[in-house]
Amino acid sequence: MECVFFDSDAQYITKESTSDADHILLSHGKWALSIPQKELNAFIAAHTAQNIISPLSYLFLMAKEPALYGMILDDYIYLATFQDEEPLFVKIIPREEVYDLAKAIEDFLHEFYEQEKNFFVEKIILYHLSDYILPDNLEERLLLPIQIQKEAPCTEAASRYFLHSSKTLQKSSYKTLKKVAGIVGILFLLLAGYDLYLRYTASIYEGKIAKLVSSQTELANKNNELQTKISWLRRMAPLIRQTKEHNSYLVSFIRDIFDQIPDHSYLTFAGFFKDGLVLKGKTQEPKEIRQLDQVLSRSFREHRLILRRDTKGYRFEAIYKRMHMDNE
């Protein structure tokens, strides 16, 4: 199945559940895509007998892991992040305005981290579907792994997000409404017959269910505590193994890193690698973390610091790669 992407900035994310006469509203569960009727009809007229889907709908379908999802088409570049089946931050950028793709993605990430809802982006999945020439050093500049997709096949799941004109939508909706009305009528008759039975059985099992819920809650709490301890041990195990394997100089370097953590900050993760390290944590004073970054960056050729606000202060992630050798 092949698709044509609705390559236009005339599409908007909304929480509305009803549309007006000038817009088509396509539901995606927790959110909807609003498209002006005039622009969509013109696009459909130019692509008759083809399956049309919004790039945002397609990226939403492909969002199976926390990452930055992007699509490069002939006229626009689409960047989006998703969480819990809804978009957190979306930008549609005219391609002619993007002279530096790495800078455009970096700006998107900075804006995303300033949002109330955000997460650490550790991967980029980019659908490259045009003649746009990607820079060779994109991964090196962003310090993030990038997965390039040269094709975007339309799956069966994508068919429910195909775009149609208002007449087609109305006709389809009318047929669907008739089917739904018939099913609802049958279900109503069945449910009416079982209503008294359900009321009776519900009263009998109400006490049993309450006890079951209580025991399940207690078990879940114990399981959460166990998982927390296991997660902590898993995070610490690589650090302990690496500490034993490295020479006395690296052990001293690691100890020095911990000694430099400021008073108003603490680490939630520390990863030490062959030629670099990753630090994650929380702070009440972002200025302290920036000062720490200035000190640590002197020992590495590449570094990146991300600070993002949350309800209790700031979260930070610092990445350092390609350590300077003593003889350099």
C-alpha atoms as a PDB file:
ATOM      1  CA  MET A   1       0.000   0.000   0.000  1.00  0.00           C
ATOM      2  CA  GLU A   2       1.406   3.386  -1.022  1.00  0.00           C
ATOM      3  CA  CYS A   3       0.697   6.751   0.559  1.00  0.00           C
ATOM      4  CA  VAL A   4       1.024  10.388  -0.423  1.00  0.00           C
ATOM      5  CA  PHE A   5       1.899  12.720   2.426  1.00  0.00           C
ATOM      6  CA  PHE A   6      -0.084  15.931   2.954  1.00  0.00           C
ATOM      7  CA  ASP A   7       2.973  18.191   2.711  1.00  0.00           C
ATOM      8  CA  SER A   8       1.635  21.450   4.151  1.00  0.00           C
ATOM      9  CA  ASP A   9       1.886  23.610   7.266  1.00  0.00           C
ATOM     10  CA  ALA A  10      -1.929  23.984   7.193  1.00  0.00           C
ATOM     11  CA  GLN A  11      -2.463  21.294   9.829  1.00  0.00           C
ATOM     12  CA  TYR A  12      -2.744  21.788  13.549  1.00  0.00           C
ATOM     13  CA  ILE A  13      -2.731  19.735  16.746  1.00  0.00           C
ATOM     14  CA  THR A  14      -5.878  20.282  18.834  1.00  0.00           C
ATOM     15  CA  LYS A  15      -7.785  18.841  21.791  1.00  0.00           C
ATOM     16  CA  GLU A  16     -11.166  19.832  20.287  1.00  0.00           C
ATOM     17  CA  SER A  17     -13.686  17.062  19.604  1.00  0.00           C
ATOM     18  CA  THR A  18     -15.928  18.909  17.127  1.00  0.00           C
ATOM     19  CA  SER A  19     -15.031  20.745  13.934  1.00  0.00           C
ATOM     20  CA  ASP A  20     -16.570  23.676  12.112  1.00  0.00           C
ATOM     21  CA  ALA A  21     -17.641  23.871   8.467  1.00  0.00           C
ATOM     22  CA  ASP A  22     -14.245  25.172   7.345  1.00  0.00           C
ATOM     23  CA  HIS A  23     -12.093  22.447   8.919  1.00  0.00           C
ATOM     24  CA  ILE A  24     -11.798  18.676   8.937  1.00  0.00           C
ATOM     25  CA  LEU A  25     -11.080  17.125  12.325  1.00  0.00           C
ATOM     26  CA  LEU A  26      -9.341  13.724  12.338  1.00  0.00           C
ATOM     27  CA  SER A  27      -9.338  12.053  15.759  1.00  0.00           C
ATOM     28  CA  HIS A  28      -6.199  10.267  17.017  1.00  0.00           C
ATOM     29  CA  GLY A  29      -7.609   9.224  20.403  1.00  0.00           C
ATOM     30  CA  LYS A  30      -6.312  11.740  22.958  1.00  0.00           C
ATOM     31  CA  TRP A  31      -5.775  14.441  20.310  1.00  0.00           C
ATOM     32  CA  ALA A  32      -6.997  15.445  16.888  1.00  0.00           C
ATOM     33  CA  LEU A  33      -5.584  16.870  13.668  1.00  0.00           C
ATOM     34  CA  SER A  34      -7.368  19.938  12.288  1.00  0.00           C
ATOM     35  CA  ILE A  35      -6.958  20.748   8.573  1.00  0.00           C
ATOM     36  CA  PRO A  36      -8.626  23.610   6.654  1.00  0.00           C
ATOM     37  CA  GLN A  37     -11.170  22.163   4.219  1.00  0.00           C
ATOM     38  CA  LYS A  38     -10.049  24.407   1.356  1.00  0.00           C
ATOM     39  CA  GLU A  39      -6.377  23.358   1.504  1.00  0.00           C
ATOM     40  CA  LEU A  40      -7.227  19.666   1.826  1.00  0.00           C
ATOM     41  CA  ASN A  41      -9.676  19.682  -1.097  1.00  0.00           C
ATOM     42  CA  ALA A  42      -7.055  21.341  -3.304  1.00  0.00           C
ATOM     43  CA  PHE A  43      -4.472  18.707  -2.341  1.00  0.00           C
ATOM     44  CA  ILE A  44      -6.935  15.864  -2.939  1.00  0.00           C
ATOM     45  CA  ALA A  45      -7.787  17.276  -6.379  1.00  0.00           C
ATOM     46  CA  ALA A  46      -4.089  17.146  -7.281  1.00  0.00           C
ATOM     47  CA  HIS A  47      -3.699  13.573  -5.994  1.00  0.00           C
ATOM     48  CA  THR A  48      -6.857  11.769  -7.035  1.00  0.00           C
ATOM     49  CA  ALA A  49      -7.172   8.010  -6.442  1.00  0.00           C
ATOM     50  CA  GLN A  50      -4.301   8.049  -3.953  1.00  0.00           C
ATOM     51  CA  ASN A  51      -4.132   7.389  -0.234  1.00  0.00           C
ATOM     52  CA  ILE A  52      -3.322  10.657   1.530  1.00  0.00           C
ATOM     53  CA  ILE A  53      -2.041  10.844   5.094  1.00  0.00           C
ATOM     54  CA  SER A  54      -0.610  13.615   7.242  1.00  0.00           C
ATOM     55  CA  PRO A  55       3.108  13.311   8.132  1.00  0.00           C
ATOM     56  CA  LEU A  56       2.108  13.947  11.759  1.00  0.00           C
ATOM     57  CA  SER A  57      -0.319  11.003  11.692  1.00  0.00           C
ATOM     58  CA  TYR A  58       2.376   8.774  10.203  1.00  0.00           C
ATOM     59  CA  LEU A  59       5.010   9.792  12.757  1.00  0.00           C
ATOM     60  CA  PHE A  60       2.435   9.207  15.516  1.00  0.00           C
ATOM     61  CA  LEU A  61       1.913   5.644  14.243  1.00  0.00           C
ATOM     62  CA  MET A  62       5.674   5.019  14.110  1.00  0.00           C
ATOM     63  CA  ALA A  63       6.321   6.400  17.616  1.00  0.00           C
ATOM     64  CA  LYS A  64       7.007   3.124  19.431  1.00  0.00           C
ATOM     65  CA  GLU A  65       9.815   4.438  21.679  1.00  0.00           C
ATOM     66  CA  PRO A  66      10.751   7.762  23.324  1.00  0.00           C
ATOM     67  CA  ALA A  67      12.691   9.580  20.615  1.00  0.00           C
ATOM     68  CA  LEU A  68      12.616  12.586  18.305  1.00  0.00           C
ATOM     69  CA  TYR A  69      10.732  11.681  15.115  1.00  0.00           C
ATOM     70  CA  GLY A  70      11.240  13.662  11.926  1.00  0.00           C
ATOM     71  CA  MET A  71      10.245  13.620   8.269  1.00  0.00           C
ATOM     72  CA  ILE A  72      11.809  15.562   5.393  1.00  0.00           C
ATOM     73  CA  LEU A  73       9.503  16.135   2.406  1.00  0.00           C
ATOM     74  CA  ASP A  74       9.747  18.395  -0.652  1.00  0.00           C
ATOM     75  CA  ASP A  75       8.337  21.534   0.967  1.00  0.00           C
ATOM     76  CA  TYR A  76       8.453  21.074   4.746  1.00  0.00           C
ATOM     77  CA  ILE A  77      10.412  19.384   7.533  1.00  0.00           C
ATOM     78  CA  TYR A  78       8.349  17.855  10.350  1.00  0.00           C
ATOM     79  CA  LEU A  79       9.747  17.322  13.869  1.00  0.00           C
ATOM     80  CA  ALA A  80       7.740  15.808  16.730  1.00  0.00           C
ATOM     81  CA  THR A  81       7.980  14.075  20.096  1.00  0.00           C
ATOM     82  CA  PHE A  82       5.271  11.779  21.480  1.00  0.00           C
ATOM     83  CA  GLN A  83       4.469  10.317  24.893  1.00  0.00           C
ATOM     84  CA  ASP A  84       1.470   8.362  26.176  1.00  0.00           C
ATOM     85  CA  GLU A  85      -0.126   8.341  22.698  1.00  0.00           C
ATOM     86  CA  GLU A  86      -0.167  12.113  22.258  1.00  0.00           C
ATOM     87  CA  PRO A  87       2.216  14.716  20.813  1.00  0.00           C
ATOM     88  CA  LEU A  88       4.263  16.695  23.344  1.00  0.00           C
ATOM     89  CA  PHE A  89       5.926  19.147  20.952  1.00  0.00           C
ATOM     90  CA  VAL A  90       5.593  19.581  17.173  1.00  0.00           C
ATOM     91  CA  LYS A  91       7.177  21.914  14.616  1.00  0.00           C
ATOM     92  CA  ILE A  92       6.578  22.209  10.867  1.00  0.00           C
ATOM     93  CA  ILE A  93       9.440  24.142   9.236  1.00  0.00           C
ATOM     94  CA  PRO A  94       9.537  25.318   5.578  1.00  0.00           C
ATOM     95  CA  ARG A  95      12.434  23.486   3.966  1.00  0.00           C
ATOM     96  CA  GLU A  96      13.669  26.615   2.231  1.00  0.00           C
ATOM     97  CA  GLU A  97      14.295  28.179   5.663  1.00  0.00           C
ATOM     98  CA  VAL A  98      16.494  25.333   6.891  1.00  0.00           C
ATOM     99  CA  TYR A  99      20.072  26.136   5.935  1.00  0.00           C
ATOM    100  CA  ASP A 100      21.542  24.061   8.761  1.00  0.00           C
ATOM    101  CA  LEU A 101      19.580  20.908   9.685  1.00  0.00           C
ATOM    102  CA  ALA A 102      21.654  20.240  12.822  1.00  0.00           C
ATOM    103  CA  LYS A 103      20.934  23.766  14.074  1.00  0.00           C
ATOM    104  CA  ALA A 104      17.196  23.341  13.343  1.00  0.00           C
ATOM    105  CA  ILE A 105      17.061  20.067  15.311  1.00  0.00           C
ATOM    106  CA  GLU A 106      19.124  21.557  18.135  1.00  0.00           C
ATOM    107  CA  ASP A 107      16.739  24.534  18.381  1.00  0.00           C
ATOM    108  CA  PHE A 108      13.785  22.131  18.441  1.00  0.00           C
ATOM    109  CA  LEU A 109      15.357  20.177  21.324  1.00  0.00           C
ATOM    110  CA  HIS A 110      16.053  23.344  23.332  1.00  0.00           C
ATOM    111  CA  GLU A 111      12.418  24.444  22.924  1.00  0.00           C
ATOM    112  CA  PHE A 112      11.183  20.951  23.774  1.00  0.00           C
ATOM    113  CA  TYR A 113      13.195  20.808  27.002  1.00  0.00           C
ATOM    114  CA  GLU A 114      11.606  24.097  28.084  1.00  0.00           C
ATOM    115  CA  GLN A 115       8.118  22.545  27.898  1.00  0.00           C
ATOM    116  CA  GLU A 116       6.377  21.419  31.075  1.00  0.00           C
ATOM    117  CA  LYS A 117       6.099  17.880  29.686  1.00  0.00           C
ATOM    118  CA  ASN A 118       9.384  16.577  28.266  1.00  0.00           C
ATOM    119  CA  PHE A 119      11.866  13.701  28.382  1.00  0.00           C
ATOM    120  CA  PHE A 120      15.522  13.147  27.530  1.00  0.00           C
ATOM    121  CA  VAL A 121      15.847  12.529  23.797  1.00  0.00           C
ATOM    122  CA  GLU A 122      18.474   9.831  23.295  1.00  0.00           C
ATOM    123  CA  LYS A 123      17.707   8.914  19.666  1.00  0.00           C
ATOM    124  CA  ILE A 124      16.488  10.503  16.415  1.00  0.00           C
ATOM    125  CA  ILE A 125      14.423   8.597  13.830  1.00  0.00           C
ATOM    126  CA  LEU A 126      14.372  10.561  10.569  1.00  0.00           C
ATOM    127  CA  TYR A 127      12.312   9.720   7.467  1.00  0.00           C
ATOM    128  CA  HIS A 128      14.297  11.199   4.562  1.00  0.00           C
ATOM    129  CA  LEU A 129      11.818  11.200   1.652  1.00  0.00           C
ATOM    130  CA  SER A 130      13.117  14.001  -0.590  1.00  0.00           C
ATOM    131  CA  ASP A 131      16.237  15.151  -2.442  1.00  0.00           C
ATOM    132  CA  TYR A 132      17.429  17.150   0.567  1.00  0.00           C
ATOM    133  CA  ILE A 133      21.138  16.457   1.136  1.00  0.00           C
ATOM    134  CA  LEU A 134      21.866  15.451   4.718  1.00  0.00           C
ATOM    135  CA  PRO A 135      25.095  16.789   6.253  1.00  0.00           C
ATOM    136  CA  ASP A 136      27.747  14.124   6.860  1.00  0.00           C
ATOM    137  CA  ASN A 137      28.483  15.263  10.424  1.00  0.00           C
ATOM    138  CA  LEU A 138      24.871  15.351  11.679  1.00  0.00           C
ATOM    139  CA  GLU A 139      25.363  12.698  14.387  1.00  0.00           C
ATOM    140  CA  GLU A 140      28.684  14.171  15.472  1.00  0.00           C
ATOM    141  CA  ARG A 141      27.222  17.661  15.906  1.00  0.00           C
ATOM    142  CA  LEU A 142      24.105  16.535  17.752  1.00  0.00           C
ATOM    143  CA  LEU A 143      25.894  13.831  19.797  1.00  0.00           C
ATOM    144  CA  LEU A 144      22.854  11.612  19.252  1.00  0.00           C
ATOM    145  CA  PRO A 145      22.411   8.390  17.262  1.00  0.00           C
ATOM    146  CA  ILE A 146      20.299   8.985  14.142  1.00  0.00           C
ATOM    147  CA  GLN A 147      18.314   6.274  12.353  1.00  0.00           C
ATOM    148  CA  ILE A 148      17.691   7.275   8.716  1.00  0.00           C
ATOM    149  CA  GLN A 149      14.672   5.774   6.947  1.00  0.00           C
ATOM    150  CA  LYS A 150      14.633   6.146   3.154  1.00  0.00           C
ATOM    151  CA  GLU A 151      11.117   4.697   2.825  1.00  0.00           C
ATOM    152  CA  ALA A 152       7.838   5.172   4.687  1.00  0.00           C
ATOM    153  CA  PRO A 153       5.546   2.262   3.752  1.00  0.00           C
ATOM    154  CA  CYS A 154       1.857   2.615   4.564  1.00  0.00           C
ATOM    155  CA  THR A 155       0.698  -0.126   6.902  1.00  0.00           C
ATOM    156  CA  GLU A 156      -2.854  -1.339   7.385  1.00  0.00           C
ATOM    157  CA  ALA A 157      -2.992   0.685  10.609  1.00  0.00           C
ATOM    158  CA  ALA A 158      -2.378   3.883   8.640  1.00  0.00           C
ATOM    159  CA  SER A 159      -5.624   3.476   6.692  1.00  0.00           C
ATOM    160  CA  ARG A 160      -7.724   4.803   9.576  1.00  0.00           C
ATOM    161  CA  TYR A 161      -5.873   8.142   9.282  1.00  0.00           C
ATOM    162  CA  PHE A 162      -6.294   8.577   5.519  1.00  0.00           C
ATOM    163  CA  LEU A 163      -7.546  12.054   4.605  1.00  0.00           C
ATOM    164  CA  HIS A 164     -10.680  12.523   2.490  1.00  0.00           C
ATOM    165  CA  SER A 165     -12.861  15.398   1.381  1.00  0.00           C
ATOM    166  CA  SER A 166     -15.792  16.512   3.537  1.00  0.00           C
ATOM    167  CA  LYS A 167     -18.345  14.791   1.222  1.00  0.00           C
ATOM    168  CA  THR A 168     -16.504  11.486   1.447  1.00  0.00           C
ATOM    169  CA  LEU A 169     -16.269  11.847   5.204  1.00  0.00           C
ATOM    170  CA  GLN A 170     -19.975  12.601   5.504  1.00  0.00           C
ATOM    171  CA  LYS A 171     -20.934   9.622   3.345  1.00  0.00           C
ATOM    172  CA  SER A 172     -18.629   7.310   5.261  1.00  0.00           C
ATOM    173  CA  SER A 173     -19.869   8.680   8.572  1.00  0.00           C
ATOM    174  CA  TYR A 174     -23.510   8.120   7.548  1.00  0.00           C
ATOM    175  CA  LYS A 175     -22.850   4.469   6.656  1.00  0.00           C
ATOM    176  CA  THR A 176     -20.908   3.959   9.853  1.00  0.00           C
ATOM    177  CA  LEU A 177     -23.702   5.601  11.847  1.00  0.00           C
ATOM    178  CA  LYS A 178     -26.279   3.206  10.408  1.00  0.00           C
ATOM    179  CA  LYS A 179     -24.158   0.198  11.303  1.00  0.00           C
ATOM    180  CA  VAL A 180     -23.498   1.509  14.784  1.00  0.00           C
ATOM    181  CA  ALA A 181     -27.211   2.240  15.331  1.00  0.00           C
ATOM    182  CA  GLY A 182     -28.114  -1.353  14.467  1.00  0.00           C
ATOM    183  CA  ILE A 183     -25.461  -2.795  16.748  1.00  0.00           C
ATOM    184  CA  VAL A 184     -26.469  -0.481  19.578  1.00  0.00           C
ATOM    185  CA  GLY A 185     -30.100  -1.545  19.257  1.00  0.00           C
ATOM    186  CA  ILE A 186     -29.200  -5.232  19.572  1.00  0.00           C
ATOM    187  CA  LEU A 187     -26.874  -4.570  22.490  1.00  0.00           C
ATOM    188  CA  PHE A 188     -29.580  -2.572  24.254  1.00  0.00           C
ATOM    189  CA  LEU A 189     -31.999  -5.528  24.139  1.00  0.00           C
ATOM    190  CA  LEU A 190     -29.350  -7.925  25.415  1.00  0.00           C
ATOM    191  CA  LEU A 191     -28.209  -5.603  28.187  1.00  0.00           C
ATOM    192  CA  ALA A 192     -31.777  -4.985  29.341  1.00  0.00           C
ATOM    193  CA  GLY A 193     -32.298  -8.735  29.841  1.00  0.00           C
ATOM    194  CA  TYR A 194     -29.124  -9.114  31.887  1.00  0.00           C
ATOM    195  CA  ASP A 195     -29.527  -5.952  33.940  1.00  0.00           C
ATOM    196  CA  LEU A 196     -31.168  -7.617  36.966  1.00  0.00           C
ATOM    197  CA  TYR A 197     -28.754 -10.522  36.846  1.00  0.00           C
ATOM    198  CA  LEU A 198     -25.741  -8.222  36.822  1.00  0.00           C
ATOM    199  CA  ARG A 199     -27.073  -6.177  39.735  1.00  0.00           C
ATOM    200  CA  TYR A 200     -27.525  -9.330  41.783  1.00  0.00           C
ATOM    201  CA  THR A 201     -24.113 -10.835  41.016  1.00  0.00           C
ATOM    202  CA  ALA A 202     -22.406  -7.468  41.525  1.00  0.00           C
ATOM    203  CA  SER A 203     -23.727  -7.223  45.092  1.00  0.00           C
ATOM    204  CA  ILE A 204     -22.470 -10.753  45.893  1.00  0.00           C
ATOM    205  CA  TYR A 205     -18.958 -10.231  44.545  1.00  0.00           C
ATOM    206  CA  GLU A 206     -18.532  -6.643  45.747  1.00  0.00           C
ATOM    207  CA  GLY A 207     -16.923  -7.715  49.033  1.00  0.00           C
ATOM    208  CA  LYS A 208     -14.677 -10.283  47.339  1.00  0.00           C
ATOM    209  CA  ILE A 209     -13.494  -7.733  44.795  1.00  0.00           C
ATOM    210  CA  ALA A 210     -12.685  -5.211  47.531  1.00  0.00           C
ATOM    211  CA  LYS A 211     -10.485  -7.767  49.304  1.00  0.00           C
ATOM    212  CA  LEU A 212      -8.807  -8.743  46.047  1.00  0.00           C
ATOM    213  CA  VAL A 213      -8.045  -5.119  45.152  1.00  0.00           C
ATOM    214  CA  SER A 214      -6.569  -4.556  48.623  1.00  0.00           C
ATOM    215  CA  SER A 215      -4.264  -7.580  48.331  1.00  0.00           C
ATOM    216  CA  GLN A 216      -3.254  -6.650  44.782  1.00  0.00           C
ATOM    217  CA  THR A 217      -2.408  -3.109  45.902  1.00  0.00           C
ATOM    218  CA  GLU A 218      -0.218  -4.402  48.742  1.00  0.00           C
ATOM    219  CA  LEU A 219       1.540  -6.802  46.335  1.00  0.00           C
ATOM    220  CA  ALA A 220       2.079  -4.029  43.774  1.00  0.00           C
ATOM    221  CA  ASN A 221       3.659  -1.766  46.399  1.00  0.00           C
ATOM    222  CA  LYS A 222       6.093  -4.508  47.426  1.00  0.00           C
ATOM    223  CA  ASN A 223       6.864  -5.232  43.784  1.00  0.00           C
ATOM    224  CA  ASN A 224       7.558  -1.542  43.095  1.00  0.00           C
ATOM    225  CA  GLU A 225      10.010  -1.411  46.018  1.00  0.00           C
ATOM    226  CA  LEU A 226      11.760  -4.534  44.742  1.00  0.00           C
ATOM    227  CA  GLN A 227      11.952  -3.197  41.190  1.00  0.00           C
ATOM    228  CA  THR A 228      13.419   0.067  42.477  1.00  0.00           C
ATOM    229  CA  LYS A 229      16.179  -1.808  44.325  1.00  0.00           C
ATOM    230  CA  ILE A 230      16.877  -4.043  41.321  1.00  0.00           C
ATOM    231  CA  SER A 231      17.025  -1.011  38.997  1.00  0.00           C
ATOM    232  CA  TRP A 232      19.486   0.711  41.361  1.00  0.00           C
ATOM    233  CA  LEU A 233      21.708  -2.397  41.504  1.00  0.00           C
ATOM    234  CA  ARG A 234      21.660  -2.696  37.704  1.00  0.00           C
ATOM    235  CA  ARG A 235      22.731   0.933  37.332  1.00  0.00           C
ATOM    236  CA  MET A 236      25.504   0.529  39.878  1.00  0.00           C
ATOM    237  CA  ALA A 237      26.815  -2.833  38.630  1.00  0.00           C
ATOM    238  CA  PRO A 238      28.442  -1.486  35.416  1.00  0.00           C
ATOM    239  CA  LEU A 239      30.004   1.350  37.393  1.00  0.00           C
ATOM    240  CA  ILE A 240      31.468  -1.102  39.941  1.00  0.00           C
ATOM    241  CA  ARG A 241      32.775  -3.428  37.223  1.00  0.00           C
ATOM    242  CA  GLN A 242      34.339  -0.564  35.294  1.00  0.00           C
ATOM    243  CA  THR A 243      35.918   0.841  38.446  1.00  0.00           C
ATOM    244  CA  LYS A 244      37.609  -2.519  39.160  1.00  0.00           C
ATOM    245  CA  GLU A 245      38.852  -2.875  35.584  1.00  0.00           C
ATOM    246  CA  HIS A 246      40.315   0.609  35.121  1.00  0.00           C
ATOM    247  CA  ASN A 247      43.789   1.607  36.283  1.00  0.00           C
ATOM    248  CA  SER A 248      44.567   3.767  39.292  1.00  0.00           C
ATOM    249  CA  TYR A 249      44.505   6.942  37.203  1.00  0.00           C
ATOM    250  CA  LEU A 250      40.941   6.345  36.030  1.00  0.00           C
ATOM    251  CA  VAL A 251      39.847   5.389  39.556  1.00  0.00           C
ATOM    252  CA  SER A 252      41.242   8.689  40.753  1.00  0.00           C
ATOM    253  CA  PHE A 253      39.462  10.479  37.882  1.00  0.00           C
ATOM    254  CA  ILE A 254      36.123   8.884  38.784  1.00  0.00           C
ATOM    255  CA  ARG A 255      36.566   9.799  42.444  1.00  0.00           C
ATOM    256  CA  ASP A 256      37.370  13.352  41.391  1.00  0.00           C
ATOM    257  CA  ILE A 257      34.161  13.524  39.302  1.00  0.00           C
ATOM    258  CA  PHE A 258      32.019  12.625  42.327  1.00  0.00           C
ATOM    259  CA  ASP A 259      33.924  15.081  44.513  1.00  0.00           C
ATOM    260  CA  GLN A 260      33.086  17.902  42.087  1.00  0.00           C
ATOM    261  CA  ILE A 261      29.299  17.422  42.237  1.00  0.00           C
ATOM    262  CA  PRO A 262      27.950  20.712  43.724  1.00  0.00           C
ATOM    263  CA  ASP A 263      26.169  20.928  47.082  1.00  0.00           C
ATOM    264  CA  HIS A 264      22.734  21.678  45.599  1.00  0.00           C
ATOM    265  CA  SER A 265      22.911  18.841  43.048  1.00  0.00           C
ATOM    266  CA  TYR A 266      22.999  15.065  43.025  1.00  0.00           C
ATOM    267  CA  LEU A 267      23.492  12.301  40.458  1.00  0.00           C
ATOM    268  CA  THR A 268      20.869   9.752  39.446  1.00  0.00           C
ATOM    269  CA  PHE A 269      23.170   8.067  36.883  1.00  0.00           C
ATOM    270  CA  ALA A 270      26.892   8.036  36.091  1.00  0.00           C
ATOM    271  CA  GLY A 271      28.247   6.080  33.123  1.00  0.00           C
ATOM    272  CA  PHE A 272      31.990   5.807  32.505  1.00  0.00           C
ATOM    273  CA  PHE A 273      33.136   4.549  29.113  1.00  0.00           C
ATOM    274  CA  LYS A 274      36.374   3.982  27.250  1.00  0.00           C
ATOM    275  CA  ASP A 275      36.780   7.581  26.106  1.00  0.00           C
ATOM    276  CA  GLY A 276      33.929   9.453  27.760  1.00  0.00           C
ATOM    277  CA  LEU A 277      31.243   9.647  30.394  1.00  0.00           C
ATOM    278  CA  VAL A 278      27.550  10.456  30.886  1.00  0.00           C
ATOM    279  CA  LEU A 279      26.180  12.180  33.989  1.00  0.00           C
ATOM    280  CA  LYS A 280      22.478  12.553  34.808  1.00  0.00           C
ATOM    281  CA  GLY A 281      20.937  14.107  37.885  1.00  0.00           C
ATOM    282  CA  LYS A 282      18.884  16.858  39.516  1.00  0.00           C
ATOM    283  CA  THR A 283      19.814  20.322  40.743  1.00  0.00           C
ATOM    284  CA  GLN A 284      18.315  23.385  42.403  1.00  0.00           C
ATOM    285  CA  GLU A 285      21.066  25.616  41.023  1.00  0.00           C
ATOM    286  CA  PRO A 286      21.597  25.255  37.233  1.00  0.00           C
ATOM    287  CA  LYS A 287      24.483  27.727  37.482  1.00  0.00           C
ATOM    288  CA  GLU A 288      26.467  25.159  39.482  1.00  0.00           C
ATOM    289  CA  ILE A 289      26.001  22.523  36.770  1.00  0.00           C
ATOM    290  CA  ARG A 290      27.098  24.951  34.032  1.00  0.00           C
ATOM    291  CA  GLN A 291      30.266  25.671  36.029  1.00  0.00           C
ATOM    292  CA  LEU A 292      30.883  21.939  36.453  1.00  0.00           C
ATOM    293  CA  ASP A 293      30.401  21.470  32.694  1.00  0.00           C
ATOM    294  CA  GLN A 294      33.030  24.145  31.969  1.00  0.00           C
ATOM    295  CA  VAL A 295      35.532  22.285  34.140  1.00  0.00           C
ATOM    296  CA  LEU A 296      34.819  18.805  32.725  1.00  0.00           C
ATOM    297  CA  SER A 297      34.679  19.931  29.081  1.00  0.00           C
ATOM    298  CA  ARG A 298      38.384  20.855  29.223  1.00  0.00           C
ATOM    299  CA  SER A 299      39.232  17.148  29.307  1.00  0.00           C
ATOM    300  CA  PHE A 300      37.144  16.179  26.261  1.00  0.00           C
ATOM    301  CA  ARG A 301      36.959  17.123  22.590  1.00  0.00           C
ATOM    302  CA  GLU A 302      33.155  16.852  22.450  1.00  0.00           C
ATOM    303  CA  HIS A 303      30.592  17.688  25.100  1.00  0.00           C
ATOM    304  CA  ARG A 304      26.907  18.530  25.430  1.00  0.00           C
ATOM    305  CA  LEU A 305      24.869  19.753  28.423  1.00  0.00           C
ATOM    306  CA  ILE A 306      21.080  19.574  28.605  1.00  0.00           C
ATOM    307  CA  LEU A 307      19.146  21.338  31.372  1.00  0.00           C
ATOM    308  CA  ARG A 308      15.385  20.982  31.552  1.00  0.00           C
ATOM    309  CA  ARG A 309      12.962  22.356  34.118  1.00  0.00           C
ATOM    310  CA  ASP A 310      10.584  20.155  36.113  1.00  0.00           C
ATOM    311  CA  THR A 311       8.278  20.680  39.100  1.00  0.00           C
ATOM    312  CA  LYS A 312      11.065  20.281  41.682  1.00  0.00           C
ATOM    313  CA  GLY A 313      13.957  22.128  40.048  1.00  0.00           C
ATOM    314  CA  TYR A 314      16.011  21.091  37.037  1.00  0.00           C
ATOM    315  CA  ARG A 315      17.091  17.789  35.514  1.00  0.00           C
ATOM    316  CA  PHE A 316      20.428  17.669  33.736  1.00  0.00           C
ATOM    317  CA  GLU A 317      22.259  15.347  31.355  1.00  0.00           C
ATOM    318  CA  ALA A 318      25.911  15.909  30.470  1.00  0.00           C
ATOM    319  CA  ILE A 319      27.660  13.907  27.728  1.00  0.00           C
ATOM    320  CA  TYR A 320      31.424  13.940  27.217  1.00  0.00           C
ATOM    321  CA  LYS A 321      33.266  12.101  24.426  1.00  0.00           C
ATOM    322  CA  ARG A 322      36.784  11.663  23.088  1.00  0.00           C
ATOM    323  CA  MET A 323      38.948  12.378  26.139  1.00  0.00           C
ATOM    324  CA  HIS A 324      42.171  14.352  25.606  1.00  0.00           C
ATOM    325  CA  MET A 325      45.246  12.227  26.181  1.00  0.00           C
ATOM    326  CA  ASP A 326      48.129  13.489  28.350  1.00  0.00           C
ATOM    327  CA  ASN A 327      50.486  13.675  25.374  1.00  0.00           C
ATOM    328  CA  GLU A 328      48.123  15.758  23.226  1.00  0.00           C
END
